Protein backbone atom coordinates (compact mmCIF):
# COMPACT_ATOMS: atom_id res chain seq x y z
CA MET A 1 203.70 -153.23 -203.89
CA THR A 2 206.72 -154.97 -205.38
CA ARG A 3 206.50 -157.33 -202.45
CA LEU A 4 203.39 -158.84 -204.08
CA LEU A 5 203.99 -161.58 -206.63
CA TYR A 6 201.04 -162.03 -208.98
CA ARG A 7 200.37 -165.08 -211.12
CA GLN A 8 197.31 -165.87 -213.21
CA LEU A 9 195.76 -169.21 -212.39
CA GLY A 10 193.05 -170.20 -214.84
CA ASP A 11 190.55 -167.34 -214.90
CA GLY A 12 191.58 -166.20 -211.41
CA ALA A 13 194.95 -165.49 -209.87
CA VAL A 14 197.21 -166.05 -206.91
CA VAL A 15 199.04 -163.29 -205.05
CA PHE A 16 201.95 -164.11 -202.77
CA ASP A 17 203.00 -161.46 -200.26
CA THR A 18 206.74 -161.84 -199.67
CA ALA A 19 206.58 -159.60 -196.58
CA ASN A 20 204.41 -161.95 -194.55
CA TRP A 21 204.32 -165.10 -196.68
CA HIS A 22 200.54 -164.95 -197.10
CA THR A 23 198.99 -166.35 -200.25
CA HIS A 24 195.76 -164.87 -201.58
CA ILE A 25 193.55 -166.70 -204.08
CA LEU A 26 191.68 -164.25 -206.31
CA THR A 27 188.44 -165.00 -208.11
CA PRO A 28 188.31 -164.01 -211.77
CA ALA A 29 186.57 -160.72 -210.88
CA ALA A 30 189.05 -159.96 -208.09
CA ALA A 31 191.95 -160.73 -210.45
CA VAL A 32 190.66 -158.16 -212.96
CA ILE A 33 190.28 -155.59 -210.18
CA PHE A 34 193.79 -156.36 -208.89
CA GLU A 35 195.23 -155.82 -212.38
CA VAL A 36 193.36 -152.54 -212.88
CA PHE A 37 194.49 -151.21 -209.49
CA ALA A 38 198.09 -152.35 -210.05
CA GLU A 39 198.18 -150.60 -213.42
CA ALA A 40 196.59 -147.43 -212.02
CA GLY A 41 199.11 -147.32 -209.19
CA ASN A 42 202.20 -148.09 -211.31
CA GLY A 43 203.36 -150.49 -208.62
CA ASP A 44 202.24 -148.36 -205.67
CA ALA A 45 199.06 -148.40 -203.60
CA ILE A 46 196.24 -146.24 -204.89
CA ALA A 47 193.95 -144.01 -202.87
CA GLU A 48 190.66 -145.58 -201.86
CA SER A 49 188.79 -142.76 -203.60
CA ARG A 50 190.62 -143.57 -206.86
CA ALA A 51 189.86 -147.27 -206.39
CA LEU A 52 186.14 -146.56 -205.98
CA GLU A 53 186.21 -144.32 -209.06
CA LEU A 54 187.87 -147.06 -211.11
CA LEU A 55 185.31 -149.61 -209.97
CA ARG A 56 182.38 -147.38 -210.89
CA GLU A 57 183.66 -145.77 -214.07
CA GLU A 58 186.09 -148.23 -215.64
CA LEU A 59 184.62 -151.55 -214.53
CA ASP A 60 180.95 -150.58 -214.04
CA VAL A 61 180.91 -152.28 -210.63
CA ASP A 62 178.98 -151.25 -207.52
CA PRO A 63 181.68 -150.80 -204.86
CA GLY A 64 179.00 -150.89 -202.15
CA SER A 65 177.92 -154.47 -202.81
CA PRO A 66 178.89 -157.02 -200.15
CA GLU A 67 181.04 -158.92 -202.66
CA MET A 68 182.99 -155.81 -203.64
CA GLN A 69 183.39 -154.78 -200.02
CA GLN A 70 185.05 -158.16 -199.38
CA VAL A 71 187.33 -157.75 -202.41
CA LEU A 72 188.28 -154.23 -201.27
CA ARG A 73 189.05 -155.50 -197.75
CA SER A 74 191.31 -158.18 -199.21
CA LEU A 75 193.10 -155.68 -201.44
CA GLN A 76 193.48 -153.32 -198.47
CA GLU A 77 195.10 -156.15 -196.47
CA MET A 78 197.51 -156.75 -199.38
CA GLY A 79 198.52 -153.08 -199.39
CA MET A 80 196.92 -152.28 -202.74
CA LEU A 81 194.89 -149.41 -201.27
CA ALA A 82 196.25 -146.40 -199.44
CA GLY A 83 194.06 -145.18 -196.58
């Protein structure tokens, strides 16, 4: 995950992927989730099951909601989640 450069931008954040030069704009909620996942993985991708556990238990978020499904898809594309 070291290929991802993270920078807070107001309440949200921007992630730049140096491998493919894609830039991702994160909402404030997505930025918090990104930070929690990055910390949990110590710089590596985390298992999807661990990600869902963190969402439910640490952040009190419903991972099944359409909004969270979109956030999870984006984080999967960035390589934050291991299949």
